[in-house]
C-alpha atoms as a PDB file:
ATOM      1  CA  MET A   1      -5.597 -10.969  37.930  1.00  0.00           C
ATOM      2  CA  SER A   2      -4.111  -9.123  34.952  1.00  0.00           C
ATOM      3  CA  PRO A   3      -6.134  -9.014  31.718  1.00  0.00           C
ATOM      4  CA  SER A   4      -5.232 -11.536  29.013  1.00  0.00           C
ATOM      5  CA  TYR A   5      -4.871  -8.866  26.367  1.00  0.00           C
ATOM      6  CA  LEU A   6      -2.814  -5.792  25.582  1.00  0.00           C
ATOM      7  CA  VAL A   7      -4.070  -2.250  25.921  1.00  0.00           C
ATOM      8  CA  PHE A   8      -3.540   0.268  23.125  1.00  0.00           C
ATOM      9  CA  PRO A   9      -0.733   2.609  24.234  1.00  0.00           C
ATOM     10  CA  GLN A  10      -2.837   5.764  23.621  1.00  0.00           C
ATOM     11  CA  ILE A  11      -0.316   7.539  21.405  1.00  0.00           C
ATOM     12  CA  ASP A  12      -1.304  11.099  20.596  1.00  0.00           C
ATOM     13  CA  PRO A  13      -1.636  11.205  16.773  1.00  0.00           C
ATOM     14  CA  VAL A  14      -0.389  14.818  16.876  1.00  0.00           C
ATOM     15  CA  ILE A  15       3.347  15.133  17.538  1.00  0.00           C
ATOM     16  CA  PHE A  16       3.185  18.873  18.152  1.00  0.00           C
ATOM     17  CA  SER A  17       1.251  21.923  17.019  1.00  0.00           C
ATOM     18  CA  LEU A  18       2.339  25.396  15.977  1.00  0.00           C
ATOM     19  CA  GLY A  19      -0.773  27.539  15.948  1.00  0.00           C
ATOM     20  CA  PRO A  20      -3.177  26.099  13.372  1.00  0.00           C
ATOM     21  CA  LEU A  21      -0.471  23.783  11.986  1.00  0.00           C
ATOM     22  CA  SER A  22      -0.326  20.278  13.438  1.00  0.00           C
ATOM     23  CA  ILE A  23       2.388  17.726  12.713  1.00  0.00           C
ATOM     24  CA  ARG A  24       0.921  14.226  12.865  1.00  0.00           C
ATOM     25  CA  TRP A  25       2.604  10.850  13.163  1.00  0.00           C
ATOM     26  CA  TYR A  26       0.637   9.578  10.161  1.00  0.00           C
ATOM     27  CA  GLY A  27       2.091  12.242   7.880  1.00  0.00           C
ATOM     28  CA  LEU A  28       5.558  11.794   9.361  1.00  0.00           C
ATOM     29  CA  MET A  29       5.478   8.063   8.574  1.00  0.00           C
ATOM     30  CA  TYR A  30       4.781   8.788   4.912  1.00  0.00           C
ATOM     31  CA  LEU A  31       7.490  11.452   4.844  1.00  0.00           C
ATOM     32  CA  ILE A  32      10.017   8.950   6.206  1.00  0.00           C
ATOM     33  CA  ALA A  33       8.929   6.390   3.593  1.00  0.00           C
ATOM     34  CA  PHE A  34       9.243   9.002   0.831  1.00  0.00           C
ATOM     35  CA  VAL A  35      12.779   9.933   1.930  1.00  0.00           C
ATOM     36  CA  MET A  36      13.815   6.268   2.076  1.00  0.00           C
ATOM     37  CA  ALA A  37      12.308   5.537  -1.346  1.00  0.00           C
ATOM     38  CA  ASN A  38      14.040   8.579  -2.845  1.00  0.00           C
ATOM     39  CA  TYR A  39      17.364   7.480  -1.357  1.00  0.00           C
ATOM     40  CA  LEU A  40      17.065   3.916  -2.673  1.00  0.00           C
ATOM     41  CA  ALA A  41      15.935   5.100  -6.115  1.00  0.00           C
ATOM     42  CA  ASN A  42      18.855   7.528  -6.422  1.00  0.00           C
ATOM     43  CA  ARG A  43      21.250   4.867  -5.218  1.00  0.00           C
ATOM     44  CA  ALA A  44      19.990   2.508  -7.929  1.00  0.00           C
ATOM     45  CA  ALA A  45      20.180   5.282 -10.540  1.00  0.00           C
ATOM     46  CA  ASP A  46      23.823   5.997  -9.627  1.00  0.00           C
ATOM     47  CA  LYS A  47      24.921   2.463 -10.472  1.00  0.00           C
ATOM     48  CA  PRO A  48      26.794   2.034 -13.788  1.00  0.00           C
ATOM     49  CA  ASN A  49      24.535   1.399 -16.768  1.00  0.00           C
ATOM     50  CA  SER A  50      21.403   1.756 -14.661  1.00  0.00           C
ATOM     51  CA  GLY A  51      19.602   3.612 -17.439  1.00  0.00           C
ATOM     52  CA  TRP A  52      18.347   6.160 -14.921  1.00  0.00           C
ATOM     53  CA  THR A  53      19.345   9.675 -13.927  1.00  0.00           C
ATOM     54  CA  ARG A  54      18.637  11.587 -10.733  1.00  0.00           C
ATOM     55  CA  ASP A  55      16.438  14.014 -12.665  1.00  0.00           C
ATOM     56  CA  GLN A  56      14.309  11.096 -13.813  1.00  0.00           C
ATOM     57  CA  VAL A  57      14.096   9.808 -10.240  1.00  0.00           C
ATOM     58  CA  SER A  58      12.901  13.248  -9.154  1.00  0.00           C
ATOM     59  CA  ASP A  59      10.128  13.158 -11.762  1.00  0.00           C
ATOM     60  CA  LEU A  60       9.309   9.600 -10.739  1.00  0.00           C
ATOM     61  CA  MET A  61       8.842  10.616  -7.099  1.00  0.00           C
ATOM     62  CA  PHE A  62       6.633  13.563  -8.025  1.00  0.00           C
ATOM     63  CA  TYR A  63       4.394  11.620 -10.411  1.00  0.00           C
ATOM     64  CA  GLY A  64       4.265   8.675  -8.020  1.00  0.00           C
ATOM     65  CA  PHE A  65       3.202  10.909  -5.146  1.00  0.00           C
ATOM     66  CA  LEU A  66       0.384  12.396  -7.216  1.00  0.00           C
ATOM     67  CA  GLY A  67      -0.664   8.931  -8.356  1.00  0.00           C
ATOM     68  CA  VAL A  68      -0.862   7.610  -4.792  1.00  0.00           C
ATOM     69  CA  VAL A  69      -2.772  10.598  -3.416  1.00  0.00           C
ATOM     70  CA  LEU A  70      -5.210  11.142  -6.296  1.00  0.00           C
ATOM     71  CA  GLY A  71      -5.706   7.463  -7.059  1.00  0.00           C
ATOM     72  CA  GLY A  72      -6.025   6.573  -3.389  1.00  0.00           C
ATOM     73  CA  ARG A  73      -8.737   9.147  -2.804  1.00  0.00           C
ATOM     74  CA  VAL A  74     -10.705   8.431  -5.982  1.00  0.00           C
ATOM     75  CA  GLY A  75     -10.409   4.686  -5.352  1.00  0.00           C
ATOM     76  CA  TYR A  76     -11.719   4.998  -1.802  1.00  0.00           C
ATOM     77  CA  VAL A  77     -14.725   7.008  -2.928  1.00  0.00           C
ATOM     78  CA  LEU A  78     -15.568   4.689  -5.834  1.00  0.00           C
ATOM     79  CA  PHE A  79     -14.843   1.353  -4.124  1.00  0.00           C
ATOM     80  CA  TYR A  80     -16.017   2.043  -0.586  1.00  0.00           C
ATOM     81  CA  ASN A  81     -18.319   5.098  -0.559  1.00  0.00           C
ATOM     82  CA  PHE A  82     -19.815   5.344  -4.036  1.00  0.00           C
ATOM     83  CA  GLY A  83     -23.306   5.867  -2.643  1.00  0.00           C
ATOM     84  CA  GLU A  84     -22.198   8.890  -0.654  1.00  0.00           C
ATOM     85  CA  PHE A  85     -20.438  10.262  -3.729  1.00  0.00           C
ATOM     86  CA  LEU A  86     -23.642   9.961  -5.784  1.00  0.00           C
ATOM     87  CA  ALA A  87     -25.567  11.785  -3.070  1.00  0.00           C
ATOM     88  CA  ASP A  88     -22.898  14.469  -2.674  1.00  0.00           C
ATOM     89  CA  PRO A  89     -20.205  14.620  -5.436  1.00  0.00           C
ATOM     90  CA  LEU A  90     -18.235  17.190  -3.400  1.00  0.00           C
ATOM     91  CA  TYR A  91     -17.483  14.372  -0.942  1.00  0.00           C
ATOM     92  CA  LEU A  92     -14.642  13.414  -3.303  1.00  0.00           C
ATOM     93  CA  PHE A  93     -12.790  16.600  -2.387  1.00  0.00           C
ATOM     94  CA  ARG A  94     -13.361  16.524   1.387  1.00  0.00           C
ATOM     95  CA  THR A  95     -10.082  14.763   2.038  1.00  0.00           C
ATOM     96  CA  TRP A  96      -9.895  16.067   5.603  1.00  0.00           C
ATOM     97  CA  GLU A  97     -12.677  13.635   6.481  1.00  0.00           C
ATOM     98  CA  GLY A  98     -10.284  10.758   5.757  1.00  0.00           C
ATOM     99  CA  GLY A  99     -10.473   7.866   3.352  1.00  0.00           C
ATOM    100  CA  MET A 100      -7.740   6.441   1.107  1.00  0.00           C
ATOM    101  CA  SER A 101      -7.696   3.157  -0.799  1.00  0.00           C
ATOM    102  CA  PHE A 102      -4.499   1.241  -1.484  1.00  0.00           C
ATOM    103  CA  HIS A 103      -6.020  -0.402  -4.547  1.00  0.00           C
ATOM    104  CA  GLY A 104      -6.969   3.025  -5.883  1.00  0.00           C
ATOM    105  CA  GLY A 105      -3.437   4.192  -5.162  1.00  0.00           C
ATOM    106  CA  VAL A 106      -2.085   1.304  -7.250  1.00  0.00           C
ATOM    107  CA  LEU A 107      -4.241   2.366 -10.183  1.00  0.00           C
ATOM    108  CA  GLY A 108      -2.980   5.925  -9.730  1.00  0.00           C
ATOM    109  CA  VAL A 109       0.645   4.765  -9.741  1.00  0.00           C
ATOM    110  CA  LEU A 110       0.035   2.588 -12.820  1.00  0.00           C
ATOM    111  CA  THR A 111      -1.341   5.642 -14.617  1.00  0.00           C
ATOM    112  CA  ALA A 112       1.650   7.740 -13.519  1.00  0.00           C
ATOM    113  CA  MET A 113       4.005   5.007 -14.759  1.00  0.00           C
ATOM    114  CA  TRP A 114       2.313   5.007 -18.159  1.00  0.00           C
ATOM    115  CA  LEU A 115       2.818   8.771 -18.457  1.00  0.00           C
ATOM    116  CA  LEU A 116       6.451   8.477 -17.385  1.00  0.00           C
ATOM    117  CA  SER A 117       7.177   5.602 -19.744  1.00  0.00           C
ATOM    118  CA  ARG A 118       6.156   7.876 -22.613  1.00  0.00           C
ATOM    119  CA  LYS A 119       8.085  10.841 -21.226  1.00  0.00           C
ATOM    120  CA  PHE A 120      11.277   8.836 -20.587  1.00  0.00           C
ATOM    121  CA  ASN A 121      10.844   6.598 -23.637  1.00  0.00           C
ATOM    122  CA  LYS A 122      11.241   3.529 -21.426  1.00  0.00           C
ATOM    123  CA  SER A 123       9.548   0.154 -21.438  1.00  0.00           C
ATOM    124  CA  TYR A 124       6.474   0.188 -19.208  1.00  0.00           C
ATOM    125  CA  LEU A 125       7.435  -3.179 -17.718  1.00  0.00           C
ATOM    126  CA  GLN A 126      11.019  -2.142 -16.949  1.00  0.00           C
ATOM    127  CA  LEU A 127       9.839   1.110 -15.391  1.00  0.00           C
ATOM    128  CA  GLY A 128       7.363  -0.841 -13.296  1.00  0.00           C
ATOM    129  CA  ASP A 129      10.074  -3.186 -12.044  1.00  0.00           C
ATOM    130  CA  PHE A 130      12.076  -0.158 -10.899  1.00  0.00           C
ATOM    131  CA  VAL A 131       9.119   1.421  -9.087  1.00  0.00           C
ATOM    132  CA  VAL A 132       7.408  -1.470  -7.304  1.00  0.00           C
ATOM    133  CA  VAL A 133      10.421  -2.279  -5.132  1.00  0.00           C
ATOM    134  CA  LEU A 134       9.879   1.100  -3.455  1.00  0.00           C
ATOM    135  CA  LEU A 135       6.144   0.693  -2.794  1.00  0.00           C
ATOM    136  CA  PRO A 136       6.300  -1.589   0.293  1.00  0.00           C
ATOM    137  CA  LEU A 137       8.104   1.203   2.155  1.00  0.00           C
ATOM    138  CA  GLY A 138       5.044   3.412   1.827  1.00  0.00           C
ATOM    139  CA  LEU A 139       2.716   0.528   2.634  1.00  0.00           C
ATOM    140  CA  GLY A 140       4.555  -0.294   5.842  1.00  0.00           C
ATOM    141  CA  ALA A 141       4.746   3.349   6.886  1.00  0.00           C
ATOM    142  CA  GLY A 142       1.034   3.811   6.293  1.00  0.00           C
ATOM    143  CA  ARG A 143       0.168   0.816   8.482  1.00  0.00           C
ATOM    144  CA  ILE A 144       2.287   2.146  11.325  1.00  0.00           C
ATOM    145  CA  GLY A 145       0.413   5.417  10.928  1.00  0.00           C
ATOM    146  CA  ASN A 146      -2.910   3.543  11.096  1.00  0.00           C
ATOM    147  CA  PHE A 147      -1.782   1.818  14.284  1.00  0.00           C
ATOM    148  CA  ILE A 148      -0.709   5.060  15.949  1.00  0.00           C
ATOM    149  CA  ASN A 149      -4.068   6.595  15.027  1.00  0.00           C
ATOM    150  CA  GLY A 150      -5.844   3.595  16.536  1.00  0.00           C
ATOM    151  CA  GLU A 151      -7.787   2.973  13.315  1.00  0.00           C
ATOM    152  CA  LEU A 152      -8.436   0.071  10.935  1.00  0.00           C
ATOM    153  CA  TRP A 153      -8.190  -2.406  13.784  1.00  0.00           C
ATOM    154  CA  GLY A 154      -8.764  -6.123  13.457  1.00  0.00           C
ATOM    155  CA  ARG A 155     -11.565  -8.491  14.348  1.00  0.00           C
ATOM    156  CA  THR A 156     -12.177  -9.589  17.923  1.00  0.00           C
ATOM    157  CA  ALA A 157      -9.674 -12.158  19.102  1.00  0.00           C
ATOM    158  CA  GLU A 158      -8.551 -14.228  22.087  1.00  0.00           C
ATOM    159  CA  VAL A 159      -4.858 -14.473  21.189  1.00  0.00           C
ATOM    160  CA  PRO A 160      -2.377 -13.263  23.857  1.00  0.00           C
ATOM    161  CA  TRP A 161      -1.373 -10.262  21.738  1.00  0.00           C
ATOM    162  CA  ALA A 162      -4.971  -9.132  21.114  1.00  0.00           C
ATOM    163  CA  MET A 163      -5.370  -5.446  21.887  1.00  0.00           C
ATOM    164  CA  LEU A 164      -8.106  -3.270  23.314  1.00  0.00           C
ATOM    165  CA  PHE A 165      -8.458  -0.292  20.952  1.00  0.00           C
ATOM    166  CA  PRO A 166     -10.235   2.926  21.959  1.00  0.00           C
ATOM    167  CA  GLY A 167     -13.538   3.266  20.163  1.00  0.00           C
ATOM    168  CA  ALA A 168     -13.542  -0.386  19.098  1.00  0.00           C
ATOM    169  CA  GLY A 169     -15.797  -1.697  21.838  1.00  0.00           C
ATOM    170  CA  PRO A 170     -15.076  -3.667  25.017  1.00  0.00           C
ATOM    171  CA  LEU A 171     -13.463  -6.689  23.358  1.00  0.00           C
ATOM    172  CA  PRO A 172      -9.779  -7.055  22.398  1.00  0.00           C
ATOM    173  CA  ARG A 173      -8.937  -7.288  18.705  1.00  0.00           C
ATOM    174  CA  HIS A 174      -6.196  -8.386  16.343  1.00  0.00           C
ATOM    175  CA  PRO A 175      -3.650  -5.566  15.796  1.00  0.00           C
ATOM    176  CA  SER A 176      -4.068  -6.193  12.069  1.00  0.00           C
ATOM    177  CA  GLN A 177      -2.281  -2.941  11.202  1.00  0.00           C
ATOM    178  CA  LEU A 178       0.929  -4.517  12.541  1.00  0.00           C
ATOM    179  CA  TYR A 179       0.281  -7.722  10.595  1.00  0.00           C
ATOM    180  CA  GLU A 180       0.037  -5.651   7.432  1.00  0.00           C
ATOM    181  CA  PHE A 181       3.141  -3.636   8.333  1.00  0.00           C
ATOM    182  CA  PHE A 182       5.142  -6.845   8.682  1.00  0.00           C
ATOM    183  CA  PHE A 183       3.913  -8.752   5.623  1.00  0.00           C
ATOM    184  CA  GLU A 184       2.991  -5.983   3.161  1.00  0.00           C
ATOM    185  CA  GLY A 185       5.882  -3.769   4.236  1.00  0.00           C
ATOM    186  CA  ILE A 186       8.930  -5.699   5.440  1.00  0.00           C
ATOM    187  CA  VAL A 187       8.435  -9.182   3.989  1.00  0.00           C
ATOM    188  CA  LEU A 188       7.226  -7.967   0.582  1.00  0.00           C
ATOM    189  CA  PHE A 189      10.107  -5.470   0.319  1.00  0.00           C
ATOM    190  CA  LEU A 190      12.692  -8.189   1.063  1.00  0.00           C
ATOM    191  CA  MET A 191      11.052 -10.542  -1.433  1.00  0.00           C
ATOM    192  CA  LEU A 192      11.195  -7.953  -4.222  1.00  0.00           C
ATOM    193  CA  VAL A 193      14.819  -6.983  -3.498  1.00  0.00           C
ATOM    194  CA  TRP A 194      15.860 -10.650  -3.449  1.00  0.00           C
ATOM    195  CA  TYR A 195      13.996 -11.434  -6.668  1.00  0.00           C
ATOM    196  CA  LYS A 196      15.229  -8.378  -8.547  1.00  0.00           C
ATOM    197  CA  LYS A 197      18.868  -9.321  -7.871  1.00  0.00           C
ATOM    198  CA  ARG A 198      18.269 -12.517  -9.851  1.00  0.00           C
ATOM    199  CA  ASN A 199      17.598 -10.559 -13.064  1.00  0.00           C
ATOM    200  CA  PRO A 200      14.144 -11.970 -13.854  1.00  0.00           C
ATOM    201  CA  PRO A 201      12.356 -11.203 -17.133  1.00  0.00           C
ATOM    202  CA  ALA A 202      11.041  -7.657 -17.552  1.00  0.00           C
ATOM    203  CA  GLY A 203       7.750  -7.207 -15.745  1.00  0.00           C
ATOM    204  CA  ASN A 204       8.244 -10.110 -13.365  1.00  0.00           C
ATOM    205  CA  VAL A 205       9.241  -7.966 -10.374  1.00  0.00           C
ATOM    206  CA  GLY A 206       6.011  -6.049 -10.884  1.00  0.00           C
ATOM    207  CA  GLY A 207       4.199  -9.361 -11.206  1.00  0.00           C
ATOM    208  CA  LEU A 208       5.659 -10.577  -7.908  1.00  0.00           C
ATOM    209  CA  PHE A 209       4.559  -7.357  -6.231  1.00  0.00           C
ATOM    210  CA  LEU A 210       0.977  -7.801  -7.431  1.00  0.00           C
ATOM    211  CA  LEU A 211       0.962 -11.468  -6.467  1.00  0.00           C
ATOM    212  CA  GLY A 212       2.681 -10.995  -3.107  1.00  0.00           C
ATOM    213  CA  TYR A 213       0.610  -8.037  -1.984  1.00  0.00           C
ATOM    214  CA  GLY A 214      -2.598  -9.651  -3.188  1.00  0.00           C
ATOM    215  CA  ILE A 215      -1.947 -12.848  -1.230  1.00  0.00           C
ATOM    216  CA  PHE A 216      -0.809 -11.074   1.938  1.00  0.00           C
ATOM    217  CA  ARG A 217      -3.704  -8.617   1.947  1.00  0.00           C
ATOM    218  CA  PHE A 218      -6.239 -11.332   1.074  1.00  0.00           C
ATOM    219  CA  GLY A 219      -5.099 -13.437   4.040  1.00  0.00           C
ATOM    220  CA  ILE A 220      -4.892 -10.555   6.534  1.00  0.00           C
ATOM    221  CA  GLU A 221      -8.439  -9.485   5.635  1.00  0.00           C
ATOM    222  CA  TYR A 222      -9.607 -12.501   7.668  1.00  0.00           C
ATOM    223  CA  PHE A 223      -8.125 -10.799  10.748  1.00  0.00           C
ATOM    224  CA  ARG A 224      -9.137  -7.234   9.848  1.00  0.00           C
ATOM    225  CA  GLU A 225     -12.537  -5.788  10.763  1.00  0.00           C
ATOM    226  CA  PRO A 226     -14.542  -5.288   7.534  1.00  0.00           C
ATOM    227  CA  ASP A 227     -15.786  -1.808   6.714  1.00  0.00           C
ATOM    228  CA  ALA A 228     -18.928  -1.249   8.783  1.00  0.00           C
ATOM    229  CA  HIS A 229     -21.000   0.065   5.868  1.00  0.00           C
ATOM    230  CA  LEU A 230     -19.959  -2.787   3.559  1.00  0.00           C
ATOM    231  CA  GLY A 231     -19.411  -5.794   5.809  1.00  0.00           C
ATOM    232  CA  ILE A 232     -18.871  -9.178   4.190  1.00  0.00           C
ATOM    233  CA  LEU A 233     -19.839  -9.316   0.533  1.00  0.00           C
ATOM    234  CA  SER A 234     -20.664 -12.290  -1.700  1.00  0.00           C
ATOM    235  CA  LEU A 235     -18.834 -15.619  -1.262  1.00  0.00           C
ATOM    236  CA  GLY A 236     -17.926 -14.570   2.269  1.00  0.00           C
ATOM    237  CA  MET A 237     -15.234 -12.130   1.107  1.00  0.00           C
ATOM    238  CA  SER A 238     -14.664  -8.499   2.037  1.00  0.00           C
ATOM    239  CA  MET A 239     -14.250  -5.669  -0.453  1.00  0.00           C
ATOM    240  CA  GLY A 240     -10.490  -5.745   0.170  1.00  0.00           C
ATOM    241  CA  GLN A 241     -10.375  -9.436  -0.780  1.00  0.00           C
ATOM    242  CA  TRP A 242     -12.408  -8.895  -3.929  1.00  0.00           C
ATOM    243  CA  LEU A 243     -10.046  -6.115  -4.982  1.00  0.00           C
ATOM    244  CA  CYS A 244      -7.068  -8.401  -4.355  1.00  0.00           C
ATOM    245  CA  MET A 245      -8.313 -11.085  -6.742  1.00  0.00           C
ATOM    246  CA  PRO A 246      -7.446  -9.198  -9.984  1.00  0.00           C
ATOM    247  CA  MET A 247      -4.049  -8.309  -8.469  1.00  0.00           C
ATOM    248  CA  ILE A 248      -3.270 -11.971  -7.771  1.00  0.00           C
ATOM    249  CA  LEU A 249      -4.407 -13.109 -11.225  1.00  0.00           C
ATOM    250  CA  SER A 250      -2.528 -10.265 -12.950  1.00  0.00           C
ATOM    251  CA  GLY A 251       0.626 -11.066 -10.986  1.00  0.00           C
ATOM    252  CA  ILE A 252       0.517 -14.740 -11.970  1.00  0.00           C
ATOM    253  CA  ALA A 253      -0.150 -13.833 -15.605  1.00  0.00           C
ATOM    254  CA  LEU A 254       2.774 -11.375 -15.724  1.00  0.00           C
ATOM    255  CA  ILE A 255       5.218 -13.882 -14.228  1.00  0.00           C
ATOM    256  CA  VAL A 256       4.140 -16.759 -16.465  1.00  0.00           C
ATOM    257  CA  TRP A 257       4.146 -14.535 -19.558  1.00  0.00           C
ATOM    258  CA  GLY A 258       7.588 -13.188 -18.684  1.00  0.00           C
ATOM    259  CA  TYR A 259       9.214 -16.612 -18.428  1.00  0.00           C
ATOM    260  CA  ARG A 260       7.458 -17.884 -21.544  1.00  0.00           C
ATOM    261  CA  ARG A 261       8.604 -14.808 -23.460  1.00  0.00           C
ATOM    262  CA  GLU A 262      12.162 -15.306 -22.278  1.00  0.00           C
ATOM    263  CA  GLY A 263      12.019 -19.021 -23.087  1.00  0.00           C
ATOM    264  CA  SER A 264      10.878 -18.333 -26.636  1.00  0.00           C
ATOM    265  CA  LYS A 265      14.000 -16.201 -27.190  1.00  0.00           C
ATOM    266  CA  ALA A 266      16.365 -18.960 -26.080  1.00  0.00           C
END
């Protein structure tokens, strides 16, 4: 009798190696996302009266990359491993040991956007609306990378598509990385593109991103295995869910404020 679950395909996380240099699927996924985001940003900048130039897009990609990497690492250390950081501050710089936080990456990107809004003399809200449409590409790519690495698996499950992950014990689990790829990557990207074409008030595309990601991530956390050293926190919520709450509230506030501001001008 065949098992009632799927078996992880055992994909080698390393595509190939050249001496000490290894090319990994995880890094390739982010490279593909970066190329796609750069293409879409330049395409938008080339449209008449876009208010953007290709040089500005180049700066945007550079600052955004730094914001994701630096913010993601600092956020992971502060939100998920603060105790280890207090015991050994150099832990912050040992990036080869792994550990990135999406919520920290968002804070890093928000900081980069603030710097760019001053440099480009653009509205922070309008700049944010331009940037957030590109973010789901990186989110989706990162989740595919997590799946290939066989990490950040879900909770144990009995659904037909449950999967047996190496190192995750003898029980099949939700492939929550693929859930996140679909909702936080594909669905959120399509939502933002659709909404932006309707010319909403400034800041509302950013608000929809915060709201959409917060809701999707909050829901998927019920299928994702909580961090072993944190587990379930107060009110039965994980750290990821607690970090999503301010995103959801901020997204609602931005959208409501945007429409009220536009209505007051009518």
